[in-house]
Amino acid sequence: MRADAVRNRRRLLDAAVELILDIGGEPSRDAVAQRAGVGIGTLYRHFPDQQALLRGVVLDVLDRTIQLGEAALAESTTGGEALRRYLHGAIDTGLGVVNLVYPLLDHSDWPERRSAAADVLERLTDAARRDGAVGNGVSASDIAIASIRFCRPLAIGLDPAEERVIAHRHLDDYLDGLAANAT
């Protein structure tokens, strides 16, 4: 793919994530193209229909958060730090769109992504457990559900930037509570 096509695809995906989180649901393709600063024809070349756009958004966000988890595990000095870094990154990457878009998809079975996401969450949780950042009763499923809760917009009309600040603060409170209960 040409460099400008790669840039345009990235802009379209980023714009779609922003709009989905802003409106709490499915954006129009015109709005996505406008937010991305490209023509509607460019959007159609990359995503020929709404399902292709929504699927592209979900898979991109999943891939990026899986990469975040891998990077957090490789670069953090403790398991607790890795888990915290991953969860904050998930908020910033827009993981909340997965929960919002999932019910709109005709085909939502991605076994390789599910397996990779489950694996990275299990390793993050195990590392945090070994460090005492979370208790033995905290599972990877608990962390997955918490990430969904922190990443999903509240739908009460907050400015998206303000909402992310609040999500990050609440996430820190949650992780601090897990660490306190682990001892």
Protein backbone atom coordinates (compact mmCIF):
# COMPACT_ATOMS: atom_id res chain seq x y z
CA MET A 1 0.00 0.00 0.00
CA ARG A 2 1.27 3.47 -0.86
CA ALA A 3 2.39 5.72 1.99
CA ASP A 4 -0.46 8.20 1.43
CA ALA A 5 -2.98 5.35 1.42
CA VAL A 6 -1.58 4.05 4.72
CA ARG A 7 -1.80 7.56 6.22
CA ASN A 8 -5.37 7.99 4.99
CA ARG A 9 -6.42 4.63 6.39
CA ARG A 10 -4.91 5.53 9.77
CA ARG A 11 -6.69 8.91 9.72
CA LEU A 12 -10.01 7.24 8.88
CA LEU A 13 -9.65 4.67 11.66
CA ASP A 14 -8.64 7.31 14.21
CA ALA A 15 -11.53 9.56 13.15
CA ALA A 16 -14.00 6.69 13.41
CA VAL A 17 -12.77 5.79 16.91
CA GLU A 18 -13.11 9.42 18.04
CA LEU A 19 -16.62 9.71 16.62
CA ILE A 20 -17.80 6.41 18.05
CA LEU A 21 -16.60 7.45 21.49
CA ASP A 22 -18.01 10.97 21.07
CA ILE A 23 -21.49 9.89 20.04
CA GLY A 24 -21.60 6.55 21.82
CA GLY A 25 -22.48 4.58 18.72
CA GLU A 26 -22.29 4.20 14.97
CA PRO A 27 -21.07 7.29 13.09
CA SER A 28 -22.08 8.19 9.55
CA ARG A 29 -19.44 7.61 6.92
CA ASP A 30 -19.69 11.25 5.85
CA ALA A 31 -18.85 12.32 9.40
CA VAL A 32 -15.87 9.94 9.50
CA ALA A 33 -14.49 11.23 6.19
CA GLN A 34 -14.98 14.83 7.28
CA ARG A 35 -13.31 14.26 10.67
CA ALA A 36 -10.40 12.49 8.92
CA GLY A 37 -10.03 15.35 6.45
CA VAL A 38 -10.45 13.11 3.40
CA GLY A 39 -13.04 12.77 0.69
CA ILE A 40 -15.82 10.23 0.89
CA GLY A 41 -14.29 8.38 -2.06
CA THR A 42 -11.15 7.76 -0.02
CA LEU A 43 -13.26 6.27 2.76
CA TYR A 44 -15.07 3.99 0.28
CA ARG A 45 -11.78 2.78 -1.19
CA HIS A 46 -10.62 1.64 2.22
CA PHE A 47 -13.99 0.61 3.64
CA PRO A 48 -16.56 -0.18 0.93
CA ASP A 49 -19.47 -0.41 3.36
CA GLN A 50 -20.36 0.41 6.96
CA GLN A 51 -19.65 -3.14 8.14
CA ALA A 52 -16.14 -3.00 6.68
CA LEU A 53 -15.53 0.31 8.49
CA LEU A 54 -16.82 -0.92 11.85
CA ARG A 55 -14.95 -4.22 11.56
CA GLY A 56 -11.79 -2.33 10.57
CA VAL A 57 -12.13 -0.08 13.62
CA VAL A 58 -12.63 -2.97 16.05
CA LEU A 59 -9.78 -5.07 14.67
CA ASP A 60 -7.43 -2.08 14.61
CA VAL A 61 -8.20 -1.16 18.22
CA LEU A 62 -7.84 -4.78 19.34
CA ASP A 63 -4.50 -5.10 17.54
CA ARG A 64 -3.23 -1.86 19.04
CA THR A 65 -4.23 -2.81 22.59
CA ILE A 66 -2.66 -6.25 22.22
CA GLN A 67 0.55 -4.50 21.13
CA LEU A 68 0.23 -2.17 24.13
CA GLY A 69 0.03 -5.17 26.43
CA GLU A 70 3.09 -6.77 24.87
CA ALA A 71 5.04 -3.52 25.12
CA ALA A 72 3.94 -2.99 28.73
CA LEU A 73 5.14 -6.47 29.67
CA ALA A 74 8.46 -6.01 27.89
CA GLU A 75 9.24 -2.48 29.08
CA SER A 76 7.82 -2.24 32.61
CA THR A 77 9.89 -2.98 35.69
CA THR A 78 7.01 -4.56 37.64
CA GLY A 79 3.85 -6.46 36.85
CA GLY A 80 1.75 -3.81 38.54
CA GLU A 81 3.35 -1.12 36.40
CA ALA A 82 2.74 -3.21 33.26
CA LEU A 83 -0.93 -3.71 34.09
CA ARG A 84 -1.42 -0.02 34.90
CA ARG A 85 0.38 1.04 31.73
CA TYR A 86 -1.70 -1.34 29.62
CA LEU A 87 -5.03 -0.21 31.08
CA HIS A 88 -4.22 3.48 30.71
CA GLY A 89 -3.13 2.81 27.14
CA ALA A 90 -6.39 0.98 26.46
CA ILE A 91 -8.33 4.09 27.45
CA ASP A 92 -6.19 6.28 25.19
CA THR A 93 -6.34 3.84 22.28
CA GLY A 94 -10.12 3.78 22.36
CA LEU A 95 -10.78 0.21 23.46
CA GLY A 96 -14.27 1.36 24.44
CA VAL A 97 -15.33 1.25 20.79
CA VAL A 98 -15.21 -2.54 20.83
CA ASN A 99 -18.04 -2.70 23.34
CA LEU A 100 -20.04 -0.04 21.49
CA VAL A 101 -19.61 -1.47 17.99
CA TYR A 102 -19.71 -5.19 18.75
CA PRO A 103 -23.53 -5.47 18.70
CA LEU A 104 -23.63 -3.72 15.30
CA LEU A 105 -21.37 -6.20 13.54
CA ASP A 106 -22.70 -8.93 11.28
CA HIS A 107 -19.59 -11.07 11.86
CA SER A 108 -17.76 -10.69 15.15
CA ASP A 109 -15.77 -13.86 15.49
CA TRP A 110 -12.00 -13.29 15.54
CA PRO A 111 -10.53 -16.32 17.29
CA GLU A 112 -6.91 -15.27 16.69
CA ARG A 113 -7.53 -11.82 18.20
CA ARG A 114 -9.50 -13.23 21.11
CA SER A 115 -6.72 -15.70 21.83
CA ALA A 116 -4.00 -13.04 21.62
CA ALA A 117 -5.98 -10.63 23.82
CA ALA A 118 -6.73 -13.34 26.38
CA ASP A 119 -3.08 -14.37 26.43
CA VAL A 120 -1.76 -10.86 27.01
CA LEU A 121 -4.36 -10.17 29.71
CA GLU A 122 -3.51 -13.43 31.45
CA ARG A 123 0.21 -12.62 31.40
CA LEU A 124 -0.41 -9.05 32.63
CA THR A 125 -2.63 -10.30 35.45
CA ASP A 126 -0.15 -13.04 36.43
CA ALA A 127 2.70 -10.52 36.51
CA ALA A 128 0.66 -8.10 38.64
CA ARG A 129 -0.34 -10.96 40.95
CA ARG A 130 3.30 -12.02 41.42
CA ASP A 131 4.19 -8.45 42.43
CA GLY A 132 1.30 -8.14 44.85
CA ALA A 133 -0.35 -5.44 42.74
CA VAL A 134 -3.53 -7.53 42.61
CA GLY A 135 -4.74 -10.34 44.84
CA ASN A 136 -4.88 -14.02 43.95
CA GLY A 137 -8.63 -13.78 43.41
CA VAL A 138 -8.31 -11.25 40.59
CA SER A 139 -8.60 -12.94 37.22
CA ALA A 140 -7.78 -11.84 33.69
CA SER A 141 -11.55 -11.77 33.10
CA ASP A 142 -11.91 -9.30 35.98
CA ILE A 143 -9.29 -7.08 34.35
CA ALA A 144 -10.97 -7.40 30.94
CA ILE A 145 -14.35 -6.35 32.36
CA ALA A 146 -12.79 -3.49 34.29
CA SER A 147 -11.05 -2.26 31.14
CA ILE A 148 -14.39 -2.25 29.31
CA ARG A 149 -15.97 -0.22 32.10
CA PHE A 150 -13.17 2.34 32.18
CA CYS A 151 -12.94 2.65 28.40
CA ARG A 152 -16.64 3.02 27.64
CA PRO A 153 -18.02 6.56 27.39
CA LEU A 154 -20.53 7.54 30.08
CA ALA A 155 -23.09 9.06 27.66
CA ILE A 156 -23.86 11.97 29.98
CA GLY A 157 -22.59 14.75 27.74
CA LEU A 158 -19.11 15.21 29.12
CA ASP A 159 -16.41 16.59 26.88
CA PRO A 160 -14.48 13.54 25.60
CA ALA A 161 -11.15 14.87 26.90
CA GLU A 162 -12.65 15.51 30.35
CA GLU A 163 -14.20 12.05 30.32
CA ARG A 164 -10.80 10.45 29.59
CA VAL A 165 -9.21 12.39 32.46
CA ILE A 166 -11.91 11.07 34.80
CA ALA A 167 -11.51 7.52 33.44
CA HIS A 168 -7.75 7.65 34.06
CA ARG A 169 -8.27 8.94 37.61
CA HIS A 170 -10.88 6.28 38.39
CA LEU A 171 -8.64 3.60 36.90
CA ASP A 172 -5.80 4.65 39.21
CA ASP A 173 -8.17 4.52 42.18
CA TYR A 174 -9.31 1.04 41.13
CA LEU A 175 -5.76 -0.28 40.72
CA ASP A 176 -4.66 1.30 43.99
CA GLY A 177 -7.60 -0.44 45.68
CA LEU A 178 -6.67 -3.79 44.14
CA ALA A 179 -3.09 -3.36 45.39
CA ALA A 180 -4.25 -2.41 48.88
CA ASN A 181 -6.53 -5.45 49.03
CA ALA A 182 -3.76 -7.75 47.79
CA THR A 183 -1.72 -7.33 50.98
